[in-house]
């Protein structure tokens, strides 16, 4: 019959043998608890995330602050690429005014220069267009009527009459002007003045200098030979031309005098009857003059 001591030993031995089984069952139960907790936690996180997304959608597209980029490894450190820049506009430079070349200075001639030419009168003469410096017309309203460029500064001047004169309206050509004085303008006139008899005529003057000038004189003759003589006061240069007409009607011409002087002076013109034919009022006529 076993003793009581043997029974106690067997009991203790039985308890020691059951202990590993109990520990194994307890670890299994703990894993189940952790799995359940993880599932619950994941569900909570999903709910929270869904609620966050829904709240963002309702509140509007506010941008979340950017996350800081991860720090690069030491071997991957690169300098940031500078942003591309367009061309920097420069202010428009102040435009430089173009250089104007002054006209070459007129070289003064060493002596007088004088040339005379004679030609027909155009059917219509615009005195104000032709006379850039001055112009004059005679006889519009009477024997002593004188119409001239208002801004011509009296460059063309007539000398004192030496014989009787008369107004005529015999010209085949017409003379027009604008900007005149005392008559401002006219659309066309055939008038002029005349003298009778040999030796009678007209004298005129115009300024001379180093600037080349052209004077045009509109003249005529009736049963006479008229002679134009030109001379510069600055030297001995002279020139002349003749207009001969043996008929009883007016013959007209324009005499062009181109001149230049080595210094300031005058161009002096004489237009007179060199020969008179017949017993009537044979002589020369004077209609207009222009200066440019």
C-alpha atoms as a PDB file:
ATOM      1  CA  UNK A   1       0.000   0.000   0.000  1.00  0.00           C
ATOM      2  CA  UNK A   2       1.516   3.223  -1.035  1.00  0.00           C
ATOM      3  CA  UNK A   3       2.319   5.701   1.566  1.00  0.00           C
ATOM      4  CA  UNK A   4       1.011   9.125   1.943  1.00  0.00           C
ATOM      5  CA  UNK A   5       4.391  10.575   0.993  1.00  0.00           C
ATOM      6  CA  UNK A   6       4.352   8.794  -2.282  1.00  0.00           C
ATOM      7  CA  UNK A   7       0.944  10.203  -3.077  1.00  0.00           C
ATOM      8  CA  UNK A   8       2.125  13.760  -2.448  1.00  0.00           C
ATOM      9  CA  UNK A   9       5.125  13.221  -4.675  1.00  0.00           C
ATOM     10  CA  UNK A  10       2.918  11.977  -7.464  1.00  0.00           C
ATOM     11  CA  UNK A  11       0.624  14.966  -7.090  1.00  0.00           C
ATOM     12  CA  UNK A  12       3.454  17.443  -7.346  1.00  0.00           C
ATOM     13  CA  UNK A  13       4.819  15.595 -10.294  1.00  0.00           C
ATOM     14  CA  UNK A  14       1.435  15.706 -12.017  1.00  0.00           C
ATOM     15  CA  UNK A  15       1.145  19.453 -11.493  1.00  0.00           C
ATOM     16  CA  UNK A  16       4.592  20.052 -12.961  1.00  0.00           C
ATOM     17  CA  UNK A  17       3.715  18.087 -16.038  1.00  0.00           C
ATOM     18  CA  UNK A  18       0.511  20.114 -16.682  1.00  0.00           C
ATOM     19  CA  UNK A  19       2.231  23.539 -16.416  1.00  0.00           C
ATOM     20  CA  UNK A  20       3.602  23.740 -20.024  1.00  0.00           C
ATOM     21  CA  UNK A  21       0.227  22.984 -21.431  1.00  0.00           C
ATOM     22  CA  UNK A  22      -1.375  25.731 -19.469  1.00  0.00           C
ATOM     23  CA  UNK A  23       1.310  28.220 -20.620  1.00  0.00           C
ATOM     24  CA  UNK A  24       0.732  27.230 -24.238  1.00  0.00           C
ATOM     25  CA  UNK A  25      -2.994  27.774 -23.923  1.00  0.00           C
ATOM     26  CA  UNK A  26      -2.481  31.183 -22.325  1.00  0.00           C
ATOM     27  CA  UNK A  27      -0.178  32.400 -25.178  1.00  0.00           C
ATOM     28  CA  UNK A  28      -2.749  31.329 -27.737  1.00  0.00           C
ATOM     29  CA  UNK A  29      -5.420  33.275 -25.951  1.00  0.00           C
ATOM     30  CA  UNK A  30      -3.162  36.383 -25.815  1.00  0.00           C
ATOM     31  CA  UNK A  31      -2.554  36.268 -29.582  1.00  0.00           C
ATOM     32  CA  UNK A  32      -6.282  36.161 -30.151  1.00  0.00           C
ATOM     33  CA  UNK A  33      -6.716  39.214 -27.960  1.00  0.00           C
ATOM     34  CA  UNK A  34      -4.027  41.125 -29.909  1.00  0.00           C
ATOM     35  CA  UNK A  35      -5.516  40.155 -33.276  1.00  0.00           C
ATOM     36  CA  UNK A  36      -8.945  41.399 -32.199  1.00  0.00           C
ATOM     37  CA  UNK A  37      -7.469  44.641 -30.934  1.00  0.00           C
ATOM     38  CA  UNK A  38      -5.560  45.182 -34.205  1.00  0.00           C
ATOM     39  CA  UNK A  39      -8.747  44.636 -36.224  1.00  0.00           C
ATOM     40  CA  UNK A  40     -10.628  47.094 -34.054  1.00  0.00           C
ATOM     41  CA  UNK A  41      -7.793  49.652 -34.300  1.00  0.00           C
ATOM     42  CA  UNK A  42      -7.673  49.289 -38.097  1.00  0.00           C
ATOM     43  CA  UNK A  43     -11.430  49.846 -38.281  1.00  0.00           C
ATOM     44  CA  UNK A  44     -11.130  52.953 -36.143  1.00  0.00           C
ATOM     45  CA  UNK A  45      -8.342  54.301 -38.351  1.00  0.00           C
ATOM     46  CA  UNK A  46     -10.398  53.636 -41.501  1.00  0.00           C
ATOM     47  CA  UNK A  47     -13.378  55.472 -40.002  1.00  0.00           C
ATOM     48  CA  UNK A  48     -11.178  58.397 -38.959  1.00  0.00           C
ATOM     49  CA  UNK A  49      -9.543  58.567 -42.409  1.00  0.00           C
ATOM     50  CA  UNK A  50     -12.913  58.469 -44.164  1.00  0.00           C
ATOM     51  CA  UNK A  51     -14.191  61.239 -41.931  1.00  0.00           C
ATOM     52  CA  UNK A  52     -11.088  63.343 -42.631  1.00  0.00           C
ATOM     53  CA  UNK A  53     -11.501  62.938 -46.393  1.00  0.00           C
ATOM     54  CA  UNK A  54     -15.201  63.786 -46.198  1.00  0.00           C
ATOM     55  CA  UNK A  55     -14.479  66.883 -44.129  1.00  0.00           C
ATOM     56  CA  UNK A  56     -11.866  68.039 -46.644  1.00  0.00           C
ATOM     57  CA  UNK A  57     -14.298  67.589 -49.514  1.00  0.00           C
ATOM     58  CA  UNK A  58     -16.962  69.617 -47.694  1.00  0.00           C
ATOM     59  CA  UNK A  59     -14.677  72.440 -46.577  1.00  0.00           C
ATOM     60  CA  UNK A  60     -13.169  73.138 -50.029  1.00  0.00           C
ATOM     61  CA  UNK A  61      -9.905  72.541 -51.862  1.00  0.00           C
ATOM     62  CA  UNK A  62      -7.574  74.007 -49.257  1.00  0.00           C
ATOM     63  CA  UNK A  63      -4.107  72.856 -49.942  1.00  0.00           C
ATOM     64  CA  UNK A  64      -2.361  70.983 -47.244  1.00  0.00           C
ATOM     65  CA  UNK A  65       1.031  72.314 -46.287  1.00  0.00           C
ATOM     66  CA  UNK A  66       3.744  70.607 -48.320  1.00  0.00           C
ATOM     67  CA  UNK A  67       5.663  67.890 -46.615  1.00  0.00           C
ATOM     68  CA  UNK A  68       9.317  68.343 -46.153  1.00  0.00           C
ATOM     69  CA  UNK A  69      11.215  66.254 -48.722  1.00  0.00           C
ATOM     70  CA  UNK A  70      13.211  63.412 -47.269  1.00  0.00           C
ATOM     71  CA  UNK A  71      16.783  64.225 -46.563  1.00  0.00           C
ATOM     72  CA  UNK A  72      18.985  62.882 -49.374  1.00  0.00           C
ATOM     73  CA  UNK A  73      21.782  60.491 -48.732  1.00  0.00           C
ATOM     74  CA  UNK A  74      25.229  61.963 -48.605  1.00  0.00           C
ATOM     75  CA  UNK A  75      26.109  60.651 -52.044  1.00  0.00           C
ATOM     76  CA  UNK A  76      22.954  62.070 -53.625  1.00  0.00           C
ATOM     77  CA  UNK A  77      23.330  65.703 -52.568  1.00  0.00           C
ATOM     78  CA  UNK A  78      22.844  67.906 -55.631  1.00  0.00           C
ATOM     79  CA  UNK A  79      22.779  71.635 -55.928  1.00  0.00           C
ATOM     80  CA  UNK A  80      19.315  72.942 -56.771  1.00  0.00           C
ATOM     81  CA  UNK A  81      18.793  73.830 -60.409  1.00  0.00           C
ATOM     82  CA  UNK A  82      18.185  77.589 -60.669  1.00  0.00           C
ATOM     83  CA  UNK A  83      14.800  78.450 -62.145  1.00  0.00           C
ATOM     84  CA  UNK A  84      14.864  79.350 -65.800  1.00  0.00           C
ATOM     85  CA  UNK A  85      14.784  83.079 -66.412  1.00  0.00           C
ATOM     86  CA  UNK A  86      13.669  84.876 -69.493  1.00  0.00           C
ATOM     87  CA  UNK A  87      15.479  87.774 -70.983  1.00  0.00           C
ATOM     88  CA  UNK A  88      15.486  90.777 -68.707  1.00  0.00           C
ATOM     89  CA  UNK A  89      13.912  93.617 -70.671  1.00  0.00           C
ATOM     90  CA  UNK A  90      16.100  96.629 -70.857  1.00  0.00           C
ATOM     91  CA  UNK A  91      14.710 100.102 -70.958  1.00  0.00           C
ATOM     92  CA  UNK A  92      14.332 101.569 -74.405  1.00  0.00           C
ATOM     93  CA  UNK A  93      17.353 103.743 -75.116  1.00  0.00           C
ATOM     94  CA  UNK A  94      16.709 107.360 -75.725  1.00  0.00           C
ATOM     95  CA  UNK A  95      16.552 107.742 -79.509  1.00  0.00           C
ATOM     96  CA  UNK A  96      19.450 109.716 -80.837  1.00  0.00           C
ATOM     97  CA  UNK A  97      18.252 112.401 -83.213  1.00  0.00           C
ATOM     98  CA  UNK A  98      19.649 111.904 -86.678  1.00  0.00           C
ATOM     99  CA  UNK A  99      22.568 114.051 -87.486  1.00  0.00           C
ATOM    100  CA  UNK A 100      21.653 116.636 -90.027  1.00  0.00           C
ATOM    101  CA  UNK A 101      24.374 117.549 -92.412  1.00  0.00           C
ATOM    102  CA  UNK A 102      24.341 121.274 -92.977  1.00  0.00           C
ATOM    103  CA  UNK A 103      24.202 122.304 -96.593  1.00  0.00           C
ATOM    104  CA  UNK A 104      27.598 123.083 -97.992  1.00  0.00           C
ATOM    105  CA  UNK A 105      28.495 126.697 -97.733  1.00  0.00           C
ATOM    106  CA  UNK A 106      28.181 128.605-100.962  1.00  0.00           C
ATOM    107  CA  UNK A 107      31.621 129.336-102.231  1.00  0.00           C
ATOM    108  CA  UNK A 108      32.017 132.923-103.263  1.00  0.00           C
ATOM    109  CA  UNK A 109      33.185 133.274-106.865  1.00  0.00           C
ATOM    110  CA  UNK A 110      36.438 135.081-107.486  1.00  0.00           C
ATOM    111  CA  UNK A 111      34.648 137.371-109.966  1.00  0.00           C
ATOM    112  CA  UNK A 112      31.176 138.297-111.186  1.00  0.00           C
ATOM    113  CA  UNK A 113      29.097 135.679-112.961  1.00  0.00           C
ATOM    114  CA  UNK A 114      26.338 136.822-115.295  1.00  0.00           C
ATOM    115  CA  UNK A 115      24.359 134.971-117.978  1.00  0.00           C
ATOM    116  CA  UNK A 116      21.355 136.157-120.003  1.00  0.00           C
ATOM    117  CA  UNK A 117      18.875 134.021-121.956  1.00  0.00           C
ATOM    118  CA  UNK A 118      15.676 134.906-123.840  1.00  0.00           C
ATOM    119  CA  UNK A 119      12.622 132.676-124.393  1.00  0.00           C
ATOM    120  CA  UNK A 120       8.862 132.653-125.034  1.00  0.00           C
ATOM    121  CA  UNK A 121       6.382 133.467-122.282  1.00  0.00           C
ATOM    122  CA  UNK A 122       4.162 130.584-121.060  1.00  0.00           C
ATOM    123  CA  UNK A 123       0.426 130.962-121.616  1.00  0.00           C
ATOM    124  CA  UNK A 124      -0.061 131.430-117.864  1.00  0.00           C
ATOM    125  CA  UNK A 125       2.535 132.686-115.392  1.00  0.00           C
ATOM    126  CA  UNK A 126       2.065 132.203-111.627  1.00  0.00           C
ATOM    127  CA  UNK A 127       4.207 134.966-110.195  1.00  0.00           C
ATOM    128  CA  UNK A 128       3.883 133.912-106.543  1.00  0.00           C
ATOM    129  CA  UNK A 129       4.978 130.337-107.344  1.00  0.00           C
ATOM    130  CA  UNK A 130       7.951 131.459-109.441  1.00  0.00           C
ATOM    131  CA  UNK A 131       9.151 134.386-107.366  1.00  0.00           C
ATOM    132  CA  UNK A 132      10.467 132.675-104.225  1.00  0.00           C
ATOM    133  CA  UNK A 133      12.247 135.829-103.039  1.00  0.00           C
ATOM    134  CA  UNK A 134      10.082 138.544-104.611  1.00  0.00           C
ATOM    135  CA  UNK A 135       7.811 139.348-107.541  1.00  0.00           C
ATOM    136  CA  UNK A 136       6.276 142.473-109.100  1.00  0.00           C
ATOM    137  CA  UNK A 137       3.506 143.186-111.623  1.00  0.00           C
ATOM    138  CA  UNK A 138       2.770 146.485-113.328  1.00  0.00           C
ATOM    139  CA  UNK A 139      -0.446 148.109-114.583  1.00  0.00           C
ATOM    140  CA  UNK A 140      -3.314 146.072-113.096  1.00  0.00           C
ATOM    141  CA  UNK A 141      -5.486 149.064-112.215  1.00  0.00           C
ATOM    142  CA  UNK A 142      -3.774 151.999-113.932  1.00  0.00           C
ATOM    143  CA  UNK A 143      -0.638 153.539-115.360  1.00  0.00           C
ATOM    144  CA  UNK A 144       1.107 153.775-111.996  1.00  0.00           C
ATOM    145  CA  UNK A 145      -0.415 150.643-110.510  1.00  0.00           C
ATOM    146  CA  UNK A 146       2.204 148.362-108.957  1.00  0.00           C
ATOM    147  CA  UNK A 147       1.344 144.990-107.398  1.00  0.00           C
ATOM    148  CA  UNK A 148       4.025 143.058-105.527  1.00  0.00           C
ATOM    149  CA  UNK A 149       4.811 140.199-103.137  1.00  0.00           C
ATOM    150  CA  UNK A 150       3.691 141.208 -99.656  1.00  0.00           C
ATOM    151  CA  UNK A 151       6.619 139.352 -98.097  1.00  0.00           C
ATOM    152  CA  UNK A 152       9.208 140.166-100.742  1.00  0.00           C
ATOM    153  CA  UNK A 153      10.885 142.965 -98.747  1.00  0.00           C
ATOM    154  CA  UNK A 154      11.043 145.158-101.884  1.00  0.00           C
ATOM    155  CA  UNK A 155      13.991 143.248-103.322  1.00  0.00           C
ATOM    156  CA  UNK A 156      12.949 144.176-106.859  1.00  0.00           C
ATOM    157  CA  UNK A 157      12.854 147.938-107.260  1.00  0.00           C
ATOM    158  CA  UNK A 158      12.037 150.172-110.241  1.00  0.00           C
ATOM    159  CA  UNK A 159      13.961 153.313-110.832  1.00  0.00           C
ATOM    160  CA  UNK A 160      12.380 156.703-111.377  1.00  0.00           C
ATOM    161  CA  UNK A 161      10.517 156.994-114.723  1.00  0.00           C
ATOM    162  CA  UNK A 162      12.343 159.036-117.384  1.00  0.00           C
ATOM    163  CA  UNK A 163       9.489 159.244-119.890  1.00  0.00           C
ATOM    164  CA  UNK A 164       5.701 159.117-120.037  1.00  0.00           C
ATOM    165  CA  UNK A 165       4.190 155.654-119.564  1.00  0.00           C
ATOM    166  CA  UNK A 166       0.812 154.124-120.376  1.00  0.00           C
ATOM    167  CA  UNK A 167      -1.174 151.165-119.206  1.00  0.00           C
ATOM    168  CA  UNK A 168      -1.909 148.435-121.778  1.00  0.00           C
ATOM    169  CA  UNK A 169      -3.851 145.142-121.898  1.00  0.00           C
ATOM    170  CA  UNK A 170      -2.283 143.724-125.069  1.00  0.00           C
ATOM    171  CA  UNK A 171      -0.550 140.616-123.668  1.00  0.00           C
ATOM    172  CA  UNK A 172      -1.478 137.273-125.155  1.00  0.00           C
ATOM    173  CA  UNK A 173      -0.412 135.633-121.845  1.00  0.00           C
ATOM    174  CA  UNK A 174      -2.014 135.998-118.406  1.00  0.00           C
ATOM    175  CA  UNK A 175      -0.360 136.649-115.027  1.00  0.00           C
ATOM    176  CA  UNK A 176      -1.714 135.334-111.714  1.00  0.00           C
ATOM    177  CA  UNK A 177      -0.589 135.643-108.088  1.00  0.00           C
ATOM    178  CA  UNK A 178      -1.541 135.274-104.449  1.00  0.00           C
ATOM    179  CA  UNK A 179      -0.179 136.898-101.306  1.00  0.00           C
ATOM    180  CA  UNK A 180       0.139 140.227-103.085  1.00  0.00           C
ATOM    181  CA  UNK A 181      -0.120 143.829-101.992  1.00  0.00           C
ATOM    182  CA  UNK A 182      -2.149 145.994-102.478  1.00  0.00           C
ATOM    183  CA  UNK A 183      -4.082 143.438-104.540  1.00  0.00           C
ATOM    184  CA  UNK A 184      -3.974 140.111-102.695  1.00  0.00           C
ATOM    185  CA  UNK A 185      -4.628 137.836-105.678  1.00  0.00           C
ATOM    186  CA  UNK A 186      -5.896 137.591-109.219  1.00  0.00           C
ATOM    187  CA  UNK A 187      -6.932 134.712-111.452  1.00  0.00           C
ATOM    188  CA  UNK A 188      -5.332 136.241-114.538  1.00  0.00           C
ATOM    189  CA  UNK A 189      -4.550 139.594-116.073  1.00  0.00           C
ATOM    190  CA  UNK A 190      -3.133 140.634-119.483  1.00  0.00           C
ATOM    191  CA  UNK A 191      -2.123 144.116-118.376  1.00  0.00           C
ATOM    192  CA  UNK A 192       1.211 145.941-118.252  1.00  0.00           C
ATOM    193  CA  UNK A 193       2.791 149.338-118.945  1.00  0.00           C
ATOM    194  CA  UNK A 194       4.554 150.793-122.035  1.00  0.00           C
ATOM    195  CA  UNK A 195       6.589 153.765-123.235  1.00  0.00           C
ATOM    196  CA  UNK A 196       6.850 155.399-126.646  1.00  0.00           C
ATOM    197  CA  UNK A 197       9.873 156.633-128.595  1.00  0.00           C
ATOM    198  CA  UNK A 198      13.516 155.768-128.959  1.00  0.00           C
ATOM    199  CA  UNK A 199      15.652 155.921-125.798  1.00  0.00           C
ATOM    200  CA  UNK A 200      12.703 155.601-123.429  1.00  0.00           C
ATOM    201  CA  UNK A 201      12.194 152.633-121.126  1.00  0.00           C
ATOM    202  CA  UNK A 202      12.577 151.328-117.579  1.00  0.00           C
ATOM    203  CA  UNK A 203      15.326 150.653-115.018  1.00  0.00           C
ATOM    204  CA  UNK A 204      15.322 147.972-112.298  1.00  0.00           C
ATOM    205  CA  UNK A 205      17.599 146.765-109.496  1.00  0.00           C
ATOM    206  CA  UNK A 206      17.825 143.543-107.446  1.00  0.00           C
ATOM    207  CA  UNK A 207      20.214 142.437-104.681  1.00  0.00           C
ATOM    208  CA  UNK A 208      23.387 140.510-105.570  1.00  0.00           C
ATOM    209  CA  UNK A 209      25.804 138.504-103.444  1.00  0.00           C
ATOM    210  CA  UNK A 210      27.533 135.173-103.046  1.00  0.00           C
ATOM    211  CA  UNK A 211      24.187 133.328-103.271  1.00  0.00           C
ATOM    212  CA  UNK A 212      23.308 132.455-106.885  1.00  0.00           C
ATOM    213  CA  UNK A 213      20.110 134.179-108.022  1.00  0.00           C
ATOM    214  CA  UNK A 214      17.787 134.182-111.022  1.00  0.00           C
ATOM    215  CA  UNK A 215      15.754 137.172-112.120  1.00  0.00           C
ATOM    216  CA  UNK A 216      13.109 136.782-114.811  1.00  0.00           C
ATOM    217  CA  UNK A 217      11.809 139.848-116.634  1.00  0.00           C
ATOM    218  CA  UNK A 218       8.591 139.685-118.705  1.00  0.00           C
ATOM    219  CA  UNK A 219       8.810 142.280-121.449  1.00  0.00           C
ATOM    220  CA  UNK A 220       7.515 143.149-124.929  1.00  0.00           C
ATOM    221  CA  UNK A 221       7.902 145.515-127.859  1.00  0.00           C
ATOM    222  CA  UNK A 222       5.537 147.183-130.331  1.00  0.00           C
ATOM    223  CA  UNK A 223       6.989 148.423-133.655  1.00  0.00           C
ATOM    224  CA  UNK A 224      10.368 148.719-131.960  1.00  0.00           C
ATOM    225  CA  UNK A 225      13.587 147.036-131.073  1.00  0.00           C
ATOM    226  CA  UNK A 226      14.036 146.741-127.345  1.00  0.00           C
ATOM    227  CA  UNK A 227      17.404 146.139-125.679  1.00  0.00           C
ATOM    228  CA  UNK A 228      18.030 144.745-122.194  1.00  0.00           C
ATOM    229  CA  UNK A 229      21.382 145.459-120.552  1.00  0.00           C
ATOM    230  CA  UNK A 230      22.430 143.843-117.253  1.00  0.00           C
ATOM    231  CA  UNK A 231      25.396 144.782-115.082  1.00  0.00           C
ATOM    232  CA  UNK A 232      26.669 143.835-111.631  1.00  0.00           C
ATOM    233  CA  UNK A 233      27.849 146.644-109.360  1.00  0.00           C
ATOM    234  CA  UNK A 234      30.605 144.428-107.935  1.00  0.00           C
ATOM    235  CA  UNK A 235      32.633 144.169-111.151  1.00  0.00           C
ATOM    236  CA  UNK A 236      32.793 144.698-114.855  1.00  0.00           C
ATOM    237  CA  UNK A 237      30.530 141.820-115.962  1.00  0.00           C
ATOM    238  CA  UNK A 238      27.745 142.897-118.303  1.00  0.00           C
ATOM    239  CA  UNK A 239      25.311 141.208-120.638  1.00  0.00           C
ATOM    240  CA  UNK A 240      22.585 142.193-123.081  1.00  0.00           C
ATOM    241  CA  UNK A 241      19.842 140.815-125.325  1.00  0.00           C
ATOM    242  CA  UNK A 242      17.599 142.323-128.022  1.00  0.00           C
ATOM    243  CA  UNK A 243      13.892 141.869-128.841  1.00  0.00           C
ATOM    244  CA  UNK A 244      13.082 143.169-132.309  1.00  0.00           C
ATOM    245  CA  UNK A 245       9.504 143.620-133.586  1.00  0.00           C
ATOM    246  CA  UNK A 246       8.647 145.574-136.701  1.00  0.00           C
ATOM    247  CA  UNK A 247       4.951 144.654-136.525  1.00  0.00           C
ATOM    248  CA  UNK A 248       2.219 146.729-134.979  1.00  0.00           C
ATOM    249  CA  UNK A 249       1.141 144.103-132.438  1.00  0.00           C
ATOM    250  CA  UNK A 250       2.782 143.265-129.130  1.00  0.00           C
ATOM    251  CA  UNK A 251       5.568 140.701-129.175  1.00  0.00           C
ATOM    252  CA  UNK A 252       6.506 139.325-125.750  1.00  0.00           C
ATOM    253  CA  UNK A 253       9.474 137.441-124.260  1.00  0.00           C
ATOM    254  CA  UNK A 254      10.879 136.395-120.897  1.00  0.00           C
ATOM    255  CA  UNK A 255      14.503 137.342-120.259  1.00  0.00           C
ATOM    256  CA  UNK A 256      16.274 135.189-117.643  1.00  0.00           C
ATOM    257  CA  UNK A 257      19.292 136.664-115.870  1.00  0.00           C
ATOM    258  CA  UNK A 258      21.362 134.213-113.765  1.00  0.00           C
ATOM    259  CA  UNK A 259      24.000 135.901-111.637  1.00  0.00           C
ATOM    260  CA  UNK A 260      26.327 135.683-108.641  1.00  0.00           C
ATOM    261  CA  UNK A 261      28.738 138.182-107.128  1.00  0.00           C
ATOM    262  CA  UNK A 262      31.878 137.797-104.974  1.00  0.00           C
ATOM    263  CA  UNK A 263      30.353 140.136-102.368  1.00  0.00           C
ATOM    264  CA  UNK A 264      27.197 142.092-101.650  1.00  0.00           C
ATOM    265  CA  UNK A 265      26.088 144.404-104.421  1.00  0.00           C
ATOM    266  CA  UNK A 266      23.330 145.065-106.963  1.00  0.00           C
ATOM    267  CA  UNK A 267      22.125 143.763-110.291  1.00  0.00           C
ATOM    268  CA  UNK A 268      21.181 146.754-112.459  1.00  0.00           C
ATOM    269  CA  UNK A 269      18.910 146.350-115.487  1.00  0.00           C
ATOM    270  CA  UNK A 270      17.993 148.761-118.245  1.00  0.00           C
ATOM    271  CA  UNK A 271      15.151 147.907-120.655  1.00  0.00           C
ATOM    272  CA  UNK A 272      14.730 150.602-123.290  1.00  0.00           C
ATOM    273  CA  UNK A 273      13.694 151.280-126.887  1.00  0.00           C
ATOM    274  CA  UNK A 274      16.831 150.965-128.996  1.00  0.00           C
ATOM    275  CA  UNK A 275      15.003 151.740-132.259  1.00  0.00           C
ATOM    276  CA  UNK A 276      11.394 152.823-132.975  1.00  0.00           C
ATOM    277  CA  UNK A 277       9.647 151.935-136.248  1.00  0.00           C
ATOM    278  CA  UNK A 278       6.716 153.929-137.643  1.00  0.00           C
ATOM    279  CA  UNK A 279       5.047 157.109-136.523  1.00  0.00           C
ATOM    280  CA  UNK A 280       2.775 155.719-133.775  1.00  0.00           C
ATOM    281  CA  UNK A 281       3.604 154.872-130.149  1.00  0.00           C
ATOM    282  CA  UNK A 282       6.450 152.540-130.929  1.00  0.00           C
ATOM    283  CA  UNK A 283       8.367 151.322-127.896  1.00  0.00           C
ATOM    284  CA  UNK A 284       8.890 148.683-125.230  1.00  0.00           C
ATOM    285  CA  UNK A 285       6.507 147.239-122.627  1.00  0.00           C
ATOM    286  CA  UNK A 286       6.989 145.862-119.108  1.00  0.00           C
ATOM    287  CA  UNK A 287       4.596 143.363-117.507  1.00  0.00           C
ATOM    288  CA  UNK A 288       6.205 141.525-114.559  1.00  0.00           C
ATOM    289  CA  UNK A 289       9.427 140.358-112.826  1.00  0.00           C
ATOM    290  CA  UNK A 290      10.298 137.517-110.435  1.00  0.00           C
ATOM    291  CA  UNK A 291      13.340 136.815-108.233  1.00  0.00           C
ATOM    292  CA  UNK A 292      14.443 133.453-106.887  1.00  0.00           C
END
